[in-house]
């Protein structure tokens, strides 16, 4: 047998093995939904709509009770953190308040000076116009 023929047969064998492995996996994956459907079909015969609703409602009650409990714990933690941070913010705010008032006074003075200058300019213009 020639070298090329040997390579061709090896490629064909490798492809056949890969194809068999892919087919096996595909069949295994495709079987899952059918297995679940068959199981559900069997269980559905023993369950009533009322019992399904009760199971559903119980699952919802459990879920939302857990979420409420989680929310309560998160809220408590957030409150503790805020209580630790808030006194610092209050101290900073009261320290800044006098500084802001001090800054406001020069600003008020500047506004008053600007208004006085504007009034004197208007008065000067009136005098020039009448003269």
N, C-alpha and C. Protein backbone atom coordinates (compact mmCIF):
# COMPACT_ATOMS: atom_id res chain seq x y z
N UNK A 1 0.85 -1.16 0.00
CA UNK A 1 0.00 0.00 0.00
C UNK A 1 0.89 1.22 0.00
N UNK A 2 0.42 2.25 -0.73
CA UNK A 2 1.20 3.47 -0.85
C UNK A 2 1.03 4.38 0.37
N UNK A 3 1.97 5.31 0.45
CA UNK A 3 1.98 6.25 1.57
C UNK A 3 0.72 7.12 1.58
N UNK A 4 0.32 7.62 0.42
CA UNK A 4 -0.88 8.47 0.35
C UNK A 4 -2.13 7.68 0.72
N UNK A 5 -2.20 6.41 0.28
CA UNK A 5 -3.37 5.58 0.60
C UNK A 5 -3.44 5.35 2.11
N UNK A 6 -2.31 5.16 2.75
CA UNK A 6 -2.26 4.95 4.20
C UNK A 6 -2.74 6.20 4.93
N UNK A 7 -2.30 7.37 4.49
CA UNK A 7 -2.73 8.64 5.11
C UNK A 7 -4.23 8.82 4.93
N UNK A 8 -4.73 8.50 3.72
CA UNK A 8 -6.17 8.65 3.44
C UNK A 8 -6.98 7.76 4.36
N UNK A 9 -6.54 6.54 4.61
CA UNK A 9 -7.26 5.63 5.50
C UNK A 9 -7.22 6.10 6.95
N UNK A 10 -6.07 6.65 7.36
CA UNK A 10 -5.96 7.18 8.74
C UNK A 10 -6.90 8.37 8.93
N UNK A 11 -6.98 9.24 7.93
CA UNK A 11 -7.88 10.39 8.01
C UNK A 11 -9.32 9.91 8.08
N UNK A 12 -9.65 8.92 7.26
CA UNK A 12 -11.01 8.39 7.25
C UNK A 12 -11.35 7.76 8.60
N UNK A 13 -10.45 7.00 9.20
CA UNK A 13 -10.68 6.39 10.50
C UNK A 13 -10.85 7.45 11.59
N UNK A 14 -9.99 8.47 11.57
CA UNK A 14 -10.07 9.55 12.55
C UNK A 14 -11.41 10.27 12.44
N UNK A 15 -11.84 10.54 11.22
CA UNK A 15 -13.10 11.22 11.00
C UNK A 15 -14.25 10.36 11.49
N UNK A 16 -14.18 9.05 11.22
CA UNK A 16 -15.25 8.14 11.65
C UNK A 16 -15.33 8.09 13.18
N UNK A 17 -14.19 8.07 13.87
CA UNK A 17 -14.18 8.08 15.34
C UNK A 17 -14.76 9.39 15.88
N UNK A 18 -14.35 10.51 15.27
CA UNK A 18 -14.86 11.82 15.71
C UNK A 18 -16.36 11.91 15.47
N UNK A 19 -16.80 11.42 14.33
CA UNK A 19 -18.22 11.44 14.00
C UNK A 19 -19.02 10.58 14.98
N UNK A 20 -18.50 9.44 15.35
CA UNK A 20 -19.18 8.56 16.31
C UNK A 20 -19.27 9.25 17.68
N UNK A 21 -18.19 9.94 18.10
CA UNK A 21 -18.20 10.64 19.39
C UNK A 21 -19.22 11.77 19.37
N UNK A 22 -19.26 12.55 18.30
CA UNK A 22 -20.22 13.66 18.19
C UNK A 22 -21.65 13.12 18.19
N UNK A 23 -21.89 12.02 17.46
CA UNK A 23 -23.23 11.44 17.42
C UNK A 23 -23.66 10.97 18.81
N UNK A 24 -22.75 10.33 19.53
CA UNK A 24 -23.06 9.85 20.88
C UNK A 24 -23.44 11.01 21.80
N UNK A 25 -22.68 12.09 21.76
CA UNK A 25 -22.98 13.27 22.58
C UNK A 25 -24.29 13.92 22.17
N UNK A 26 -24.52 14.01 20.86
CA UNK A 26 -25.75 14.62 20.38
C UNK A 26 -26.97 13.83 20.85
N UNK A 27 -26.90 12.52 20.74
CA UNK A 27 -28.02 11.69 21.17
C UNK A 27 -28.24 11.81 22.69
N UNK A 28 -27.16 11.87 23.44
CA UNK A 28 -27.28 12.00 24.90
C UNK A 28 -27.94 13.33 25.27
N UNK A 29 -27.52 14.40 24.60
CA UNK A 29 -28.11 15.71 24.88
C UNK A 29 -29.57 15.78 24.43
N UNK A 30 -29.85 15.23 23.28
CA UNK A 30 -31.22 15.27 22.75
C UNK A 30 -32.16 14.41 23.60
N UNK A 31 -31.65 13.41 24.27
CA UNK A 31 -32.50 12.52 25.07
C UNK A 31 -33.01 13.21 26.33
N UNK A 32 -32.24 14.17 26.86
CA UNK A 32 -32.62 14.81 28.13
C UNK A 32 -34.02 15.41 28.11
N UNK A 33 -34.36 16.27 27.15
CA UNK A 33 -35.72 16.84 27.16
C UNK A 33 -36.82 15.78 27.08
N UNK A 34 -36.54 14.72 26.31
CA UNK A 34 -37.55 13.67 26.20
C UNK A 34 -37.70 12.91 27.52
N UNK A 35 -36.58 12.67 28.21
CA UNK A 35 -36.64 12.01 29.51
C UNK A 35 -37.45 12.85 30.49
N UNK A 36 -37.20 14.16 30.50
CA UNK A 36 -37.94 15.05 31.40
C UNK A 36 -39.43 15.08 31.05
N UNK A 37 -39.74 15.11 29.75
CA UNK A 37 -41.14 15.13 29.33
C UNK A 37 -41.84 13.84 29.74
N UNK A 38 -41.16 12.70 29.61
CA UNK A 38 -41.75 11.43 30.02
C UNK A 38 -41.99 11.40 31.53
N UNK A 39 -41.01 11.92 32.29
CA UNK A 39 -41.15 11.96 33.75
C UNK A 39 -42.31 12.86 34.14
N UNK A 40 -42.41 14.02 33.49
CA UNK A 40 -43.49 14.95 33.79
C UNK A 40 -44.84 14.33 33.44
N UNK A 41 -44.86 13.62 32.32
CA UNK A 41 -46.11 12.98 31.91
C UNK A 41 -46.56 11.96 32.97
N UNK A 42 -45.61 11.20 33.51
CA UNK A 42 -45.95 10.22 34.54
C UNK A 42 -46.44 10.92 35.81
N UNK A 43 -45.73 11.97 36.23
CA UNK A 43 -46.09 12.67 37.46
C UNK A 43 -47.38 13.46 37.29
N UNK A 44 -47.62 13.97 36.10
CA UNK A 44 -48.83 14.77 35.86
C UNK A 44 -50.09 13.94 36.08
N UNK A 45 -49.98 12.64 35.85
CA UNK A 45 -51.14 11.78 36.05
C UNK A 45 -51.50 11.68 37.54
N UNK A 46 -50.50 11.84 38.41
CA UNK A 46 -50.75 11.70 39.85
C UNK A 46 -51.02 13.04 40.53
N UNK A 47 -50.74 14.15 39.83
CA UNK A 47 -50.93 15.47 40.42
C UNK A 47 -52.18 16.13 39.88
N UNK A 48 -52.86 16.85 40.75
CA UNK A 48 -54.00 17.62 40.30
C UNK A 48 -53.56 19.07 40.11
N UNK A 49 -54.35 19.83 39.43
CA UNK A 49 -54.05 21.24 39.24
C UNK A 49 -54.01 21.94 40.59
N UNK A 50 -54.90 21.55 41.48
CA UNK A 50 -54.94 22.15 42.81
C UNK A 50 -53.64 21.89 43.58
N UNK A 51 -53.15 20.67 43.52
CA UNK A 51 -51.90 20.37 44.23
C UNK A 51 -50.72 21.08 43.58
N UNK A 52 -50.73 21.21 42.26
CA UNK A 52 -49.68 21.97 41.59
C UNK A 52 -49.70 23.43 42.02
N UNK A 53 -50.91 24.01 42.13
CA UNK A 53 -51.03 25.40 42.57
C UNK A 53 -50.51 25.56 43.99
N UNK A 54 -50.84 24.61 44.86
CA UNK A 54 -50.36 24.68 46.24
C UNK A 54 -48.84 24.61 46.31
N UNK A 55 -48.24 23.73 45.51
CA UNK A 55 -46.78 23.64 45.46
C UNK A 55 -46.18 24.95 44.96
N UNK A 56 -46.80 25.49 43.94
CA UNK A 56 -46.35 26.75 43.35
C UNK A 56 -46.44 27.88 44.37
N UNK A 57 -47.57 27.99 45.04
CA UNK A 57 -47.77 29.05 46.03
C UNK A 57 -46.80 28.92 47.20
N UNK A 58 -46.55 27.70 47.62
CA UNK A 58 -45.61 27.47 48.71
C UNK A 58 -44.20 27.89 48.29
N UNK A 59 -43.81 27.57 47.07
CA UNK A 59 -42.49 27.97 46.57
C UNK A 59 -42.37 29.49 46.52
N UNK A 60 -43.43 30.16 46.08
CA UNK A 60 -43.42 31.63 46.02
C UNK A 60 -43.33 32.22 47.42
N UNK A 61 -44.11 31.67 48.36
CA UNK A 61 -44.06 32.16 49.74
C UNK A 61 -42.65 32.04 50.31
N UNK A 62 -42.01 30.92 50.09
CA UNK A 62 -40.66 30.69 50.60
C UNK A 62 -39.67 31.67 49.96
N UNK A 63 -39.78 31.84 48.65
CA UNK A 63 -38.88 32.73 47.92
C UNK A 63 -38.99 34.16 48.44
N UNK A 64 -40.20 34.68 48.50
CA UNK A 64 -40.36 36.08 48.90
C UNK A 64 -40.10 36.31 50.39
N UNK A 65 -40.33 35.31 51.21
CA UNK A 65 -39.97 35.44 52.63
C UNK A 65 -38.45 35.54 52.75
N UNK A 66 -37.74 34.75 51.97
CA UNK A 66 -36.27 34.81 51.99
C UNK A 66 -35.78 36.16 51.48
N UNK A 67 -36.39 36.66 50.42
CA UNK A 67 -35.99 37.96 49.88
C UNK A 67 -36.27 39.08 50.88
N UNK A 68 -37.39 39.01 51.57
CA UNK A 68 -37.70 40.03 52.58
C UNK A 68 -36.70 39.99 53.73
N UNK A 69 -36.33 38.80 54.15
CA UNK A 69 -35.35 38.64 55.22
C UNK A 69 -34.00 39.20 54.78
N UNK A 70 -33.62 38.92 53.55
CA UNK A 70 -32.37 39.44 53.00
C UNK A 70 -32.41 40.97 52.95
N UNK A 71 -33.52 41.53 52.51
CA UNK A 71 -33.67 42.98 52.44
C UNK A 71 -33.56 43.60 53.83
N UNK A 72 -34.14 42.95 54.82
CA UNK A 72 -34.08 43.43 56.21
C UNK A 72 -32.63 43.48 56.68
N UNK A 73 -31.87 42.44 56.40
CA UNK A 73 -30.47 42.39 56.83
C UNK A 73 -29.63 43.44 56.11
N UNK A 74 -29.87 43.61 54.82
CA UNK A 74 -29.14 44.64 54.07
C UNK A 74 -29.47 46.02 54.61
N UNK A 75 -30.74 46.26 54.93
CA UNK A 75 -31.17 47.55 55.49
C UNK A 75 -30.49 47.81 56.83
N UNK A 76 -30.41 46.78 57.69
CA UNK A 76 -29.75 46.94 58.99
C UNK A 76 -28.27 47.29 58.81
N UNK A 77 -27.62 46.61 57.88
CA UNK A 77 -26.21 46.87 57.62
C UNK A 77 -26.02 48.29 57.09
N UNK A 78 -26.87 48.70 56.17
CA UNK A 78 -26.78 50.05 55.62
C UNK A 78 -27.02 51.10 56.71
N UNK A 79 -27.96 50.84 57.60
CA UNK A 79 -28.22 51.78 58.70
C UNK A 79 -27.01 51.91 59.61
N UNK A 80 -26.36 50.80 59.89
CA UNK A 80 -25.15 50.84 60.73
C UNK A 80 -24.04 51.65 60.06
N UNK A 81 -23.86 51.43 58.77
CA UNK A 81 -22.83 52.16 58.05
C UNK A 81 -23.14 53.65 57.99
N UNK A 82 -24.38 53.99 57.76
CA UNK A 82 -24.78 55.40 57.71
C UNK A 82 -24.58 56.06 59.07
N UNK A 83 -24.91 55.34 60.13
CA UNK A 83 -24.73 55.89 61.49
C UNK A 83 -23.26 56.18 61.77
N UNK A 84 -22.37 55.37 61.23
CA UNK A 84 -20.94 55.61 61.43
C UNK A 84 -20.45 56.80 60.62
N UNK A 85 -20.99 56.98 59.43
CA UNK A 85 -20.54 58.04 58.53
C UNK A 85 -21.21 59.36 58.84
N UNK A 86 -22.48 59.35 59.21
CA UNK A 86 -23.26 60.57 59.39
C UNK A 86 -22.70 61.50 60.45
N UNK A 87 -22.24 61.04 61.61
CA UNK A 87 -21.67 61.99 62.58
C UNK A 87 -20.48 62.76 61.99
N UNK A 88 -19.68 62.11 61.19
CA UNK A 88 -18.56 62.80 60.54
C UNK A 88 -19.06 63.88 59.60
N UNK A 89 -20.10 63.55 58.82
CA UNK A 89 -20.64 64.53 57.89
C UNK A 89 -21.24 65.71 58.64
N UNK A 90 -21.92 65.46 59.76
CA UNK A 90 -22.53 66.53 60.55
C UNK A 90 -21.45 67.45 61.10
N UNK A 91 -20.34 66.87 61.57
CA UNK A 91 -19.23 67.68 62.09
C UNK A 91 -18.61 68.52 60.97
N UNK A 92 -18.47 67.92 59.80
CA UNK A 92 -17.91 68.67 58.66
C UNK A 92 -18.84 69.80 58.25
N UNK A 93 -20.15 69.53 58.24
CA UNK A 93 -21.12 70.56 57.85
C UNK A 93 -21.09 71.72 58.81
N UNK A 94 -21.00 71.45 60.12
CA UNK A 94 -21.00 72.55 61.08
C UNK A 94 -19.68 73.31 61.02
N UNK A 95 -18.61 72.67 60.65
CA UNK A 95 -17.33 73.37 60.49
C UNK A 95 -17.36 74.24 59.24
N UNK A 96 -18.06 73.79 58.22
CA UNK A 96 -18.13 74.54 56.98
C UNK A 96 -19.12 75.70 57.07
N UNK A 97 -20.12 75.60 57.90
CA UNK A 97 -21.16 76.63 57.98
C UNK A 97 -20.59 78.00 58.31
N UNK A 98 -19.73 78.18 59.33
CA UNK A 98 -19.18 79.51 59.59
C UNK A 98 -18.31 80.01 58.43
N UNK A 99 -17.60 79.10 57.80
CA UNK A 99 -16.77 79.51 56.66
C UNK A 99 -17.64 80.00 55.52
N UNK A 100 -18.77 79.32 55.29
CA UNK A 100 -19.67 79.75 54.23
C UNK A 100 -20.27 81.11 54.54
N UNK A 101 -20.60 81.35 55.83
CA UNK A 101 -21.15 82.65 56.22
C UNK A 101 -20.11 83.73 56.02
N UNK A 102 -18.88 83.43 56.37
CA UNK A 102 -17.80 84.42 56.20
C UNK A 102 -17.60 84.73 54.73
N UNK A 103 -17.71 83.70 53.89
CA UNK A 103 -17.57 83.91 52.45
C UNK A 103 -18.75 84.71 51.91
N UNK A 104 -19.91 84.55 52.50
CA UNK A 104 -21.10 85.24 52.01
C UNK A 104 -20.99 86.74 52.27
N UNK A 105 -20.40 87.14 53.39
CA UNK A 105 -20.30 88.56 53.71
C UNK A 105 -19.47 89.33 52.69
N UNK A 106 -18.28 88.88 52.29
CA UNK A 106 -17.56 89.62 51.26
C UNK A 106 -18.33 89.67 49.94
N UNK A 107 -19.04 88.61 49.64
CA UNK A 107 -19.82 88.60 48.41
C UNK A 107 -20.92 89.64 48.49
N UNK A 108 -21.57 89.75 49.66
CA UNK A 108 -22.62 90.75 49.84
C UNK A 108 -22.03 92.15 49.72
N UNK A 109 -20.83 92.35 50.27
CA UNK A 109 -20.18 93.66 50.19
C UNK A 109 -19.86 94.00 48.74
N UNK A 110 -19.40 93.03 47.98
CA UNK A 110 -19.06 93.26 46.58
C UNK A 110 -20.31 93.63 45.80
N UNK A 111 -21.42 92.97 46.09
CA UNK A 111 -22.67 93.29 45.41
C UNK A 111 -23.11 94.71 45.76
N UNK A 112 -22.98 95.10 47.01
CA UNK A 112 -23.37 96.44 47.43
C UNK A 112 -22.49 97.48 46.74
N UNK A 113 -21.18 97.23 46.64
CA UNK A 113 -20.28 98.16 45.95
C UNK A 113 -20.65 98.28 44.48
N UNK A 114 -20.97 97.15 43.84
CA UNK A 114 -21.35 97.18 42.43
C UNK A 114 -22.62 98.00 42.24
N UNK A 115 -23.58 97.84 43.13
CA UNK A 115 -24.83 98.58 43.02
C UNK A 115 -24.57 100.07 43.23
N UNK A 116 -23.70 100.42 44.17
CA UNK A 116 -23.39 101.84 44.42
C UNK A 116 -22.70 102.46 43.21
N UNK A 117 -21.78 101.73 42.60
CA UNK A 117 -21.08 102.23 41.39
C UNK A 117 -22.07 102.46 40.27
N UNK A 118 -22.99 101.51 40.09
CA UNK A 118 -23.98 101.64 39.03
C UNK A 118 -24.85 102.86 39.26
N UNK A 119 -25.24 103.09 40.51
CA UNK A 119 -26.06 104.26 40.82
C UNK A 119 -25.31 105.55 40.56
N UNK A 120 -24.03 105.60 40.92
CA UNK A 120 -23.26 106.84 40.71
C UNK A 120 -23.04 107.08 39.22
N UNK A 121 -22.85 106.04 38.44
CA UNK A 121 -22.70 106.20 36.99
C UNK A 121 -23.99 106.70 36.38
N UNK A 122 -25.11 106.18 36.85
CA UNK A 122 -26.40 106.64 36.33
C UNK A 122 -26.62 108.10 36.69
N UNK A 123 -26.26 108.49 37.87
CA UNK A 123 -26.42 109.88 38.30
C UNK A 123 -25.50 110.79 37.46
N UNK A 124 -24.30 110.36 37.19
CA UNK A 124 -23.37 111.14 36.38
C UNK A 124 -23.90 111.33 34.97
N UNK A 125 -24.47 110.28 34.40
CA UNK A 125 -25.04 110.38 33.06
C UNK A 125 -26.21 111.34 33.02
N UNK A 126 -27.03 111.33 34.08
CA UNK A 126 -28.15 112.25 34.15
C UNK A 126 -27.65 113.70 34.19
N UNK A 127 -26.61 113.93 34.96
CA UNK A 127 -26.06 115.28 35.07
C UNK A 127 -25.51 115.74 33.74
N UNK A 128 -24.83 114.87 33.01
CA UNK A 128 -24.29 115.23 31.70
C UNK A 128 -25.41 115.52 30.73
N UNK A 129 -26.46 114.78 30.81
CA UNK A 129 -27.57 114.97 29.90
C UNK A 129 -28.30 116.28 30.16
N UNK A 130 -28.38 116.67 31.38
CA UNK A 130 -29.06 117.92 31.72
C UNK A 130 -28.17 119.12 31.51
N UNK A 131 -26.89 118.92 31.49
CA UNK A 131 -25.97 120.06 31.35
C UNK A 131 -25.84 120.53 29.95
